[in-house]
Amino acid sequence: MSIAPDTRIAIRPQTPVLAPADLEKWLTDRVAFHLHRPAREIDPTTPLADYGIDSVAAIGICGEIEERHLLAVPPTLAYDFPTVRAIAGHLAELLAVGDTGAAS
């Protein structure tokens, strides 16, 4: 059996739903990268504004969230949820809803 040359197969990568603590660690690493700091210096309960996060970094983090977790988030995410812990909790809720197919 051969596949016609114009046939395209779309493969959507599977992203495991992470626990809030795993999301928090991943997000801490990404925030540290954008702030040019070691991850151990990022306290998940400290507002990102206290670290001097700018809009370019905030949007970059949003893009990484969208790419890694296949989840559309607003560019204001870091302002709406001002700490790593708050963002991770919000993402965990969104991912759990997507995983169960439930609507809020």
PDB file of N, CA and C in Angstrom:
ATOM      1  N   MET A   1       0.848  -1.169   0.000  1.00  0.00           N
ATOM      2  CA  MET A   1       0.000   0.000   0.000  1.00  0.00           C
ATOM      3  C   MET A   1       0.894   1.232   0.000  1.00  0.00           C
ATOM      4  N   SER A   2       0.613   2.174  -0.868  1.00  0.00           N
ATOM      5  CA  SER A   2       1.416   3.397  -0.912  1.00  0.00           C
ATOM      6  C   SER A   2       0.527   4.595  -0.568  1.00  0.00           C
ATOM      7  N   ILE A   3       1.184   5.614  -0.086  1.00  0.00           N
ATOM      8  CA  ILE A   3       0.472   6.849   0.280  1.00  0.00           C
ATOM      9  C   ILE A   3       0.671   7.842  -0.840  1.00  0.00           C
ATOM     10  N   ALA A   4      -0.418   8.455  -1.277  1.00  0.00           N
ATOM     11  CA  ALA A   4      -0.348   9.458  -2.333  1.00  0.00           C
ATOM     12  C   ALA A   4       0.560  10.591  -1.902  1.00  0.00           C
ATOM     13  N   PRO A   5       1.348  11.157  -2.830  1.00  0.00           N
ATOM     14  CA  PRO A   5       2.305  12.201  -2.463  1.00  0.00           C
ATOM     15  C   PRO A   5       1.681  13.443  -1.829  1.00  0.00           C
ATOM     16  N   ASP A   6       0.408  13.714  -2.093  1.00  0.00           N
ATOM     17  CA  ASP A   6      -0.203  14.919  -1.520  1.00  0.00           C
ATOM     18  C   ASP A   6      -0.916  14.642  -0.189  1.00  0.00           C
ATOM     19  N   THR A   7      -0.813  13.417   0.290  1.00  0.00           N
ATOM     20  CA  THR A   7      -1.442  13.068   1.555  1.00  0.00           C
ATOM     21  C   THR A   7      -0.560  13.540   2.694  1.00  0.00           C
ATOM     22  N   ARG A   8      -1.152  14.258   3.615  1.00  0.00           N
ATOM     23  CA  ARG A   8      -0.410  14.771   4.762  1.00  0.00           C
ATOM     24  C   ARG A   8      -0.989  14.160   6.031  1.00  0.00           C
ATOM     25  N   ILE A   9      -0.105  13.766   6.899  1.00  0.00           N
ATOM     26  CA  ILE A   9      -0.513  13.224   8.180  1.00  0.00           C
ATOM     27  C   ILE A   9      -0.084  14.215   9.250  1.00  0.00           C
ATOM     28  N   ALA A  10      -1.043  14.726   9.989  1.00  0.00           N
ATOM     29  CA  ALA A  10      -0.738  15.667  11.060  1.00  0.00           C
ATOM     30  C   ALA A  10      -0.587  14.894  12.359  1.00  0.00           C
ATOM     31  N   ILE A  11       0.534  15.098  13.003  1.00  0.00           N
ATOM     32  CA  ILE A  11       0.770  14.451  14.281  1.00  0.00           C
ATOM     33  C   ILE A  11       0.838  15.538  15.339  1.00  0.00           C
ATOM     34  N   ARG A  12      -0.054  15.462  16.272  1.00  0.00           N
ATOM     35  CA  ARG A  12      -0.052  16.419  17.382  1.00  0.00           C
ATOM     36  C   ARG A  12       0.726  15.792  18.527  1.00  0.00           C
ATOM     37  N   PRO A  13       1.803  16.451  18.947  1.00  0.00           N
ATOM     38  CA  PRO A  13       2.587  15.869  20.028  1.00  0.00           C
ATOM     39  C   PRO A  13       1.764  15.729  21.302  1.00  0.00           C
ATOM     40  N   GLN A  14       1.974  14.643  22.004  1.00  0.00           N
ATOM     41  CA  GLN A  14       1.275  14.422  23.260  1.00  0.00           C
ATOM     42  C   GLN A  14       2.053  15.103  24.377  1.00  0.00           C
ATOM     43  N   THR A  15       1.402  15.928  25.126  1.00  0.00           N
ATOM     44  CA  THR A  15       2.016  16.611  26.249  1.00  0.00           C
ATOM     45  C   THR A  15       1.376  16.072  27.514  1.00  0.00           C
ATOM     46  N   PRO A  16       2.175  15.482  28.391  1.00  0.00           N
ATOM     47  CA  PRO A  16       1.574  14.960  29.617  1.00  0.00           C
ATOM     48  C   PRO A  16       1.058  16.094  30.494  1.00  0.00           C
ATOM     49  N   VAL A  17      -0.045  15.851  31.165  1.00  0.00           N
ATOM     50  CA  VAL A  17      -0.568  16.833  32.103  1.00  0.00           C
ATOM     51  C   VAL A  17       0.289  16.744  33.356  1.00  0.00           C
ATOM     52  N   LEU A  18       0.894  17.850  33.711  1.00  0.00           N
ATOM     53  CA  LEU A  18       1.800  17.881  34.842  1.00  0.00           C
ATOM     54  C   LEU A  18       1.095  18.326  36.107  1.00  0.00           C
ATOM     55  N   ALA A  19       1.586  17.856  37.220  1.00  0.00           N
ATOM     56  CA  ALA A  19       1.098  18.312  38.524  1.00  0.00           C
ATOM     57  C   ALA A  19       1.539  19.752  38.718  1.00  0.00           C
ATOM     58  N   PRO A  20       0.818  20.523  39.547  1.00  0.00           N
ATOM     59  CA  PRO A  20       1.205  21.919  39.772  1.00  0.00           C
ATOM     60  C   PRO A  20       2.672  22.067  40.193  1.00  0.00           C
ATOM     61  N   ALA A  21       3.198  21.160  41.004  1.00  0.00           N
ATOM     62  CA  ALA A  21       4.609  21.262  41.430  1.00  0.00           C
ATOM     63  C   ALA A  21       5.557  21.085  40.245  1.00  0.00           C
ATOM     64  N   ASP A  22       5.217  20.192  39.316  1.00  0.00           N
ATOM     65  CA  ASP A  22       6.047  19.995  38.127  1.00  0.00           C
ATOM     66  C   ASP A  22       5.958  21.214  37.204  1.00  0.00           C
ATOM     67  N   LEU A  23       4.757  21.750  37.067  1.00  0.00           N
ATOM     68  CA  LEU A  23       4.592  22.968  36.276  1.00  0.00           C
ATOM     69  C   LEU A  23       5.380  24.116  36.899  1.00  0.00           C
ATOM     70  N   GLU A  24       5.348  24.193  38.223  1.00  0.00           N
ATOM     71  CA  GLU A  24       6.064  25.259  38.925  1.00  0.00           C
ATOM     72  C   GLU A  24       7.573  25.152  38.678  1.00  0.00           C
ATOM     73  N   LYS A  25       8.101  23.945  38.716  1.00  0.00           N
ATOM     74  CA  LYS A  25       9.534  23.771  38.468  1.00  0.00           C
ATOM     75  C   LYS A  25       9.877  24.140  37.037  1.00  0.00           C
ATOM     76  N   TRP A  26       9.081  23.656  36.081  1.00  0.00           N
ATOM     77  CA  TRP A  26       9.324  23.976  34.672  1.00  0.00           C
ATOM     78  C   TRP A  26       9.249  25.485  34.455  1.00  0.00           C
ATOM     79  N   LEU A  27       8.231  26.111  35.010  1.00  0.00           N
ATOM     80  CA  LEU A  27       8.048  27.545  34.850  1.00  0.00           C
ATOM     81  C   LEU A  27       9.164  28.332  35.534  1.00  0.00           C
ATOM     82  N   THR A  28       9.607  27.884  36.700  1.00  0.00           N
ATOM     83  CA  THR A  28      10.725  28.527  37.386  1.00  0.00           C
ATOM     84  C   THR A  28      11.964  28.504  36.503  1.00  0.00           C
ATOM     85  N   ASP A  29      12.218  27.378  35.871  1.00  0.00           N
ATOM     86  CA  ASP A  29      13.363  27.274  34.960  1.00  0.00           C
ATOM     87  C   ASP A  29      13.249  28.245  33.794  1.00  0.00           C
ATOM     88  N   ARG A  30      12.045  28.369  33.240  1.00  0.00           N
ATOM     89  CA  ARG A  30      11.854  29.256  32.088  1.00  0.00           C
ATOM     90  C   ARG A  30      11.981  30.731  32.502  1.00  0.00           C
ATOM     91  N   VAL A  31      11.425  31.081  33.664  1.00  0.00           N
ATOM     92  CA  VAL A  31      11.536  32.449  34.163  1.00  0.00           C
ATOM     93  C   VAL A  31      13.005  32.780  34.413  1.00  0.00           C
ATOM     94  N   ALA A  32      13.720  31.854  35.046  1.00  0.00           N
ATOM     95  CA  ALA A  32      15.144  32.068  35.315  1.00  0.00           C
ATOM     96  C   ALA A  32      15.916  32.294  34.020  1.00  0.00           C
ATOM     97  N   PHE A  33      15.604  31.507  33.005  1.00  0.00           N
ATOM     98  CA  PHE A  33      16.258  31.674  31.701  1.00  0.00           C
ATOM     99  C   PHE A  33      16.041  33.084  31.162  1.00  0.00           C
ATOM    100  N   HIS A  34      14.798  33.533  31.179  1.00  0.00           N
ATOM    101  CA  HIS A  34      14.479  34.856  30.625  1.00  0.00           C
ATOM    102  C   HIS A  34      15.049  35.999  31.455  1.00  0.00           C
ATOM    103  N   LEU A  35      15.234  35.753  32.733  1.00  0.00           N
ATOM    104  CA  LEU A  35      15.793  36.790  33.609  1.00  0.00           C
ATOM    105  C   LEU A  35      17.314  36.677  33.744  1.00  0.00           C
ATOM    106  N   HIS A  36      17.897  35.702  33.067  1.00  0.00           N
ATOM    107  CA  HIS A  36      19.349  35.490  33.112  1.00  0.00           C
ATOM    108  C   HIS A  36      19.831  35.287  34.543  1.00  0.00           C
ATOM    109  N   ARG A  37      19.117  34.413  35.267  1.00  0.00           N
ATOM    110  CA  ARG A  37      19.445  34.093  36.656  1.00  0.00           C
ATOM    111  C   ARG A  37      19.404  32.583  36.836  1.00  0.00           C
ATOM    112  N   PRO A  38      20.101  32.078  37.847  1.00  0.00           N
ATOM    113  CA  PRO A  38      19.941  30.658  38.172  1.00  0.00           C
ATOM    114  C   PRO A  38      18.541  30.403  38.723  1.00  0.00           C
ATOM    115  N   ALA A  39      17.987  29.248  38.416  1.00  0.00           N
ATOM    116  CA  ALA A  39      16.633  28.921  38.869  1.00  0.00           C
ATOM    117  C   ALA A  39      16.532  28.949  40.395  1.00  0.00           C
ATOM    118  N   ARG A  40      17.609  28.630  41.095  1.00  0.00           N
ATOM    119  CA  ARG A  40      17.568  28.619  42.566  1.00  0.00           C
ATOM    120  C   ARG A  40      17.323  30.013  43.147  1.00  0.00           C
ATOM    121  N   GLU A  41      17.512  31.058  42.345  1.00  0.00           N
ATOM    122  CA  GLU A  41      17.276  32.430  42.805  1.00  0.00           C
ATOM    123  C   GLU A  41      15.829  32.877  42.613  1.00  0.00           C
ATOM    124  N   ILE A  42      15.026  32.060  41.961  1.00  0.00           N
ATOM    125  CA  ILE A  42      13.636  32.421  41.699  1.00  0.00           C
ATOM    126  C   ILE A  42      12.751  31.790  42.769  1.00  0.00           C
ATOM    127  N   ASP A  43      12.123  32.634  43.567  1.00  0.00           N
ATOM    128  CA  ASP A  43      11.169  32.175  44.586  1.00  0.00           C
ATOM    129  C   ASP A  43       9.796  32.156  43.929  1.00  0.00           C
ATOM    130  N   PRO A  44       9.122  31.008  43.929  1.00  0.00           N
ATOM    131  CA  PRO A  44       7.838  30.916  43.233  1.00  0.00           C
ATOM    132  C   PRO A  44       6.730  31.775  43.839  1.00  0.00           C
ATOM    133  N   THR A  45       6.968  32.334  45.037  1.00  0.00           N
ATOM    134  CA  THR A  45       5.940  33.175  45.656  1.00  0.00           C
ATOM    135  C   THR A  45       6.252  34.664  45.537  1.00  0.00           C
ATOM    136  N   THR A  46       7.374  35.003  44.924  1.00  0.00           N
ATOM    137  CA  THR A  46       7.751  36.409  44.740  1.00  0.00           C
ATOM    138  C   THR A  46       7.146  36.919  43.434  1.00  0.00           C
ATOM    139  N   PRO A  47       6.507  38.074  43.465  1.00  0.00           N
ATOM    140  CA  PRO A  47       5.962  38.622  42.209  1.00  0.00           C
ATOM    141  C   PRO A  47       7.066  38.784  41.158  1.00  0.00           C
ATOM    142  N   LEU A  48       6.756  38.400  39.943  1.00  0.00           N
ATOM    143  CA  LEU A  48       7.724  38.510  38.859  1.00  0.00           C
ATOM    144  C   LEU A  48       8.161  39.955  38.644  1.00  0.00           C
ATOM    145  N   ALA A  49       7.282  40.890  38.933  1.00  0.00           N
ATOM    146  CA  ALA A  49       7.639  42.307  38.800  1.00  0.00           C
ATOM    147  C   ALA A  49       8.800  42.665  39.727  1.00  0.00           C
ATOM    148  N   ASP A  50       8.892  41.992  40.876  1.00  0.00           N
ATOM    149  CA  ASP A  50      10.001  42.251  41.801  1.00  0.00           C
ATOM    150  C   ASP A  50      11.336  41.838  41.210  1.00  0.00           C
ATOM    151  N   TYR A  51      11.319  40.923  40.263  1.00  0.00           N
ATOM    152  CA  TYR A  51      12.541  40.507  39.579  1.00  0.00           C
ATOM    153  C   TYR A  51      12.838  41.394  38.375  1.00  0.00           C
ATOM    154  N   GLY A  52      11.925  42.283  38.072  1.00  0.00           N
ATOM    155  CA  GLY A  52      12.130  43.182  36.938  1.00  0.00           C
ATOM    156  C   GLY A  52      11.777  42.563  35.600  1.00  0.00           C
ATOM    157  N   ILE A  53      10.850  41.616  35.608  1.00  0.00           N
ATOM    158  CA  ILE A  53      10.452  40.998  34.335  1.00  0.00           C
ATOM    159  C   ILE A  53       9.844  42.071  33.437  1.00  0.00           C
ATOM    160  N   ASP A  54      10.196  42.034  32.175  1.00  0.00           N
ATOM    161  CA  ASP A  54       9.641  43.008  31.239  1.00  0.00           C
ATOM    162  C   ASP A  54       8.649  42.316  30.306  1.00  0.00           C
ATOM    163  N   SER A  55       8.011  43.110  29.483  1.00  0.00           N
ATOM    164  CA  SER A  55       6.969  42.558  28.615  1.00  0.00           C
ATOM    165  C   SER A  55       7.533  41.582  27.592  1.00  0.00           C
ATOM    166  N   VAL A  56       8.749  41.800  27.138  1.00  0.00           N
ATOM    167  CA  VAL A  56       9.353  40.883  26.167  1.00  0.00           C
ATOM    168  C   VAL A  56       9.543  39.507  26.800  1.00  0.00           C
ATOM    169  N   ALA A  57      10.057  39.477  28.022  1.00  0.00           N
ATOM    170  CA  ALA A  57      10.244  38.206  28.723  1.00  0.00           C
ATOM    171  C   ALA A  57       8.896  37.555  29.018  1.00  0.00           C
ATOM    172  N   ALA A  58       7.923  38.350  29.452  1.00  0.00           N
ATOM    173  CA  ALA A  58       6.597  37.813  29.774  1.00  0.00           C
ATOM    174  C   ALA A  58       5.958  37.180  28.541  1.00  0.00           C
ATOM    175  N   ILE A  59       6.072  37.835  27.406  1.00  0.00           N
ATOM    176  CA  ILE A  59       5.500  37.290  26.170  1.00  0.00           C
ATOM    177  C   ILE A  59       6.281  36.058  25.719  1.00  0.00           C
ATOM    178  N   GLY A  60       7.588  36.078  25.919  1.00  0.00           N
ATOM    179  CA  GLY A  60       8.400  34.904  25.587  1.00  0.00           C
ATOM    180  C   GLY A  60       7.975  33.690  26.396  1.00  0.00           C
ATOM    181  N   ILE A  61       7.719  33.903  27.678  1.00  0.00           N
ATOM    182  CA  ILE A  61       7.265  32.811  28.543  1.00  0.00           C
ATOM    183  C   ILE A  61       5.901  32.303  28.084  1.00  0.00           C
ATOM    184  N   CYS A  62       5.023  33.216  27.718  1.00  0.00           N
ATOM    185  CA  CYS A  62       3.707  32.812  27.198  1.00  0.00           C
ATOM    186  C   CYS A  62       3.860  31.943  25.947  1.00  0.00           C
ATOM    187  N   GLY A  63       4.766  32.334  25.074  1.00  0.00           N
ATOM    188  CA  GLY A  63       5.015  31.549  23.862  1.00  0.00           C
ATOM    189  C   GLY A  63       5.525  30.155  24.188  1.00  0.00           C
ATOM    190  N   GLU A  64       6.395  30.056  25.186  1.00  0.00           N
ATOM    191  CA  GLU A  64       6.902  28.752  25.586  1.00  0.00           C
ATOM    192  C   GLU A  64       5.803  27.889  26.198  1.00  0.00           C
ATOM    193  N   ILE A  65       4.932  28.515  26.966  1.00  0.00           N
ATOM    194  CA  ILE A  65       3.798  27.781  27.544  1.00  0.00           C
ATOM    195  C   ILE A  65       2.926  27.231  26.418  1.00  0.00           C
ATOM    196  N   GLU A  66       2.622  28.080  25.450  1.00  0.00           N
ATOM    197  CA  GLU A  66       1.781  27.655  24.334  1.00  0.00           C
ATOM    198  C   GLU A  66       2.429  26.521  23.554  1.00  0.00           C
ATOM    199  N   GLU A  67       3.730  26.638  23.308  1.00  0.00           N
ATOM    200  CA  GLU A  67       4.433  25.623  22.534  1.00  0.00           C
ATOM    201  C   GLU A  67       4.558  24.308  23.300  1.00  0.00           C
ATOM    202  N   ARG A  68       4.928  24.380  24.548  1.00  0.00           N
ATOM    203  CA  ARG A  68       5.184  23.173  25.350  1.00  0.00           C
ATOM    204  C   ARG A  68       3.896  22.463  25.761  1.00  0.00           C
ATOM    205  N   HIS A  69       2.884  23.249  26.118  1.00  0.00           N
ATOM    206  CA  HIS A  69       1.667  22.662  26.680  1.00  0.00           C
ATOM    207  C   HIS A  69       0.462  22.720  25.747  1.00  0.00           C
ATOM    208  N   LEU A  70       0.674  23.221  24.531  1.00  0.00           N
ATOM    209  CA  LEU A  70      -0.398  23.300  23.535  1.00  0.00           C
ATOM    210  C   LEU A  70      -1.624  23.997  24.118  1.00  0.00           C
ATOM    211  N   LEU A  71      -1.358  25.119  24.748  1.00  0.00           N
ATOM    212  CA  LEU A  71      -2.394  25.849  25.467  1.00  0.00           C
ATOM    213  C   LEU A  71      -2.256  27.334  25.158  1.00  0.00           C
ATOM    214  N   ALA A  72      -3.301  27.941  24.622  1.00  0.00           N
ATOM    215  CA  ALA A  72      -3.263  29.369  24.335  1.00  0.00           C
ATOM    216  C   ALA A  72      -3.451  30.154  25.626  1.00  0.00           C
ATOM    217  N   VAL A  73      -2.534  31.070  25.871  1.00  0.00           N
ATOM    218  CA  VAL A  73      -2.634  31.922  27.059  1.00  0.00           C
ATOM    219  C   VAL A  73      -2.515  33.377  26.629  1.00  0.00           C
ATOM    220  N   PRO A  74      -3.137  34.281  27.380  1.00  0.00           N
ATOM    221  CA  PRO A  74      -3.061  35.692  27.003  1.00  0.00           C
ATOM    222  C   PRO A  74      -1.670  36.255  27.291  1.00  0.00           C
ATOM    223  N   PRO A  75      -1.243  37.255  26.549  1.00  0.00           N
ATOM    224  CA  PRO A  75       0.070  37.848  26.792  1.00  0.00           C
ATOM    225  C   PRO A  75       0.156  38.558  28.139  1.00  0.00           C
ATOM    226  N   THR A  76      -0.950  38.741  28.790  1.00  0.00           N
ATOM    227  CA  THR A  76      -0.981  39.384  30.113  1.00  0.00           C
ATOM    228  C   THR A  76      -0.891  38.378  31.255  1.00  0.00           C
ATOM    229  N   LEU A  77      -0.617  37.124  30.953  1.00  0.00           N
ATOM    230  CA  LEU A  77      -0.610  36.061  31.957  1.00  0.00           C
ATOM    231  C   LEU A  77       0.257  36.405  33.170  1.00  0.00           C
ATOM    232  N   ALA A  78       1.457  36.926  32.941  1.00  0.00           N
ATOM    233  CA  ALA A  78       2.375  37.235  34.043  1.00  0.00           C
ATOM    234  C   ALA A  78       1.886  38.406  34.891  1.00  0.00           C
ATOM    235  N   TYR A  79       0.973  39.177  34.361  1.00  0.00           N
ATOM    236  CA  TYR A  79       0.404  40.300  35.117  1.00  0.00           C
ATOM    237  C   TYR A  79      -0.895  39.875  35.802  1.00  0.00           C
ATOM    238  N   ASP A  80      -1.640  38.999  35.148  1.00  0.00           N
ATOM    239  CA  ASP A  80      -2.881  38.489  35.731  1.00  0.00           C
ATOM    240  C   ASP A  80      -2.604  37.526  36.887  1.00  0.00           C
ATOM    241  N   PHE A  81      -1.516  36.767  36.772  1.00  0.00           N
ATOM    242  CA  PHE A  81      -1.087  35.805  37.784  1.00  0.00           C
ATOM    243  C   PHE A  81       0.373  36.141  38.084  1.00  0.00           C
ATOM    244  N   PRO A  82       0.626  37.012  39.057  1.00  0.00           N
ATOM    245  CA  PRO A  82       1.932  37.649  39.190  1.00  0.00           C
ATOM    246  C   PRO A  82       3.102  36.823  39.729  1.00  0.00           C
ATOM    247  N   THR A  83       2.873  35.586  40.162  1.00  0.00           N
ATOM    248  CA  THR A  83       3.977  34.775  40.657  1.00  0.00           C
ATOM    249  C   THR A  83       4.072  33.472  39.869  1.00  0.00           C
ATOM    250  N   VAL A  84       5.216  32.835  39.954  1.00  0.00           N
ATOM    251  CA  VAL A  84       5.379  31.530  39.312  1.00  0.00           C
ATOM    252  C   VAL A  84       4.329  30.561  39.846  1.00  0.00           C
ATOM    253  N   ARG A  85       4.131  30.566  41.149  1.00  0.00           N
ATOM    254  CA  ARG A  85       3.164  29.640  41.760  1.00  0.00           C
ATOM    255  C   ARG A  85       1.745  29.914  41.248  1.00  0.00           C
ATOM    256  N   ALA A  86       1.376  31.171  41.127  1.00  0.00           N
ATOM    257  CA  ALA A  86       0.037  31.516  40.644  1.00  0.00           C
ATOM    258  C   ALA A  86      -0.146  31.091  39.186  1.00  0.00           C
ATOM    259  N   ILE A  87       0.875  31.318  38.376  1.00  0.00           N
ATOM    260  CA  ILE A  87       0.791  30.909  36.970  1.00  0.00           C
ATOM    261  C   ILE A  87       0.697  29.392  36.872  1.00  0.00           C
ATOM    262  N   ALA A  88       1.539  28.692  37.622  1.00  0.00           N
ATOM    263  CA  ALA A  88       1.542  27.229  37.581  1.00  0.00           C
ATOM    264  C   ALA A  88       0.189  26.667  38.017  1.00  0.00           C
ATOM    265  N   GLY A  89      -0.389  27.229  39.053  1.00  0.00           N
ATOM    266  CA  GLY A  89      -1.707  26.775  39.500  1.00  0.00           C
ATOM    267  C   GLY A  89      -2.767  26.999  38.448  1.00  0.00           C
ATOM    268  N   HIS A  90      -2.719  28.159  37.816  1.00  0.00           N
ATOM    269  CA  HIS A  90      -3.679  28.472  36.758  1.00  0.00           C
ATOM    270  C   HIS A  90      -3.512  27.512  35.579  1.00  0.00           C
ATOM    271  N   LEU A  91      -2.266  27.278  35.183  1.00  0.00           N
ATOM    272  CA  LEU A  91      -2.015  26.351  34.072  1.00  0.00           C
ATOM    273  C   LEU A  91      -2.481  24.939  34.411  1.00  0.00           C
ATOM    274  N   ALA A  92      -2.251  24.510  35.647  1.00  0.00           N
ATOM    275  CA  ALA A  92      -2.693  23.176  36.063  1.00  0.00           C
ATOM    276  C   ALA A  92      -4.209  23.058  35.928  1.00  0.00           C
ATOM    277  N   GLU A  93      -4.930  24.102  36.324  1.00  0.00           N
ATOM    278  CA  GLU A  93      -6.391  24.082  36.181  1.00  0.00           C
ATOM    279  C   GLU A  93      -6.798  24.018  34.718  1.00  0.00           C
ATOM    280  N   LEU A  94      -6.172  24.836  33.889  1.00  0.00           N
ATOM    281  CA  LEU A  94      -6.517  24.833  32.456  1.00  0.00           C
ATOM    282  C   LEU A  94      -6.214  23.496  31.819  1.00  0.00           C
ATOM    283  N   LEU A  95      -5.062  22.924  32.152  1.00  0.00           N
ATOM    284  CA  LEU A  95      -4.687  21.641  31.581  1.00  0.00           C
ATOM    285  C   LEU A  95      -5.595  20.519  32.077  1.00  0.00           C
ATOM    286  N   ALA A  96      -6.016  20.584  33.334  1.00  0.00           N
ATOM    287  CA  ALA A  96      -6.918  19.561  33.867  1.00  0.00           C
ATOM    288  C   ALA A  96      -8.267  19.622  33.171  1.00  0.00           C
ATOM    289  N   VAL A  97      -8.755  20.829  32.909  1.00  0.00           N
ATOM    290  CA  VAL A  97     -10.025  20.983  32.193  1.00  0.00           C
ATOM    291  C   VAL A  97      -9.900  20.430  30.791  1.00  0.00           C
ATOM    292  N   GLY A  98      -8.795  20.731  30.122  1.00  0.00           N
ATOM    293  CA  GLY A  98      -8.575  20.212  28.768  1.00  0.00           C
ATOM    294  C   GLY A  98      -8.442  18.715  28.755  1.00  0.00           C
ATOM    295  N   ASP A  99      -7.851  18.142  29.807  1.00  0.00           N
ATOM    296  CA  ASP A  99      -7.635  16.697  29.892  1.00  0.00           C
ATOM    297  C   ASP A  99      -8.952  15.946  30.076  1.00  0.00           C
ATOM    298  N   THR A 100      -9.872  16.527  30.837  1.00  0.00           N
ATOM    299  CA  THR A 100     -11.143  15.843  31.090  1.00  0.00           C
ATOM    300  C   THR A 100     -12.192  16.184  30.057  1.00  0.00           C
ATOM    301  N   GLY A 101     -11.933  17.241  29.294  1.00  0.00           N
ATOM    302  CA  GLY A 101     -12.915  17.681  28.318  1.00  0.00           C
ATOM    303  C   GLY A 101     -14.027  18.499  28.931  1.00  0.00           C
ATOM    304  N   ALA A 102     -13.899  18.803  30.211  1.00  0.00           N
ATOM    305  CA  ALA A 102     -14.934  19.589  30.894  1.00  0.00           C
ATOM    306  C   ALA A 102     -14.828  21.046  30.515  1.00  0.00           C
ATOM    307  N   ALA A 103     -15.911  21.724  30.561  1.00  0.00           N
ATOM    308  CA  ALA A 103     -15.919  23.162  30.299  1.00  0.00           C
ATOM    309  C   ALA A 103     -16.208  23.880  31.595  1.00  0.00           C
ATOM    310  N   SER A 104     -15.621  25.072  31.746  1.00  0.00           N
ATOM    311  CA  SER A 104     -15.908  25.831  32.965  1.00  0.00           C
ATOM    312  C   SER A 104     -16.947  26.883  32.729  1.00  0.00           C
TER     313      SER A 104
END
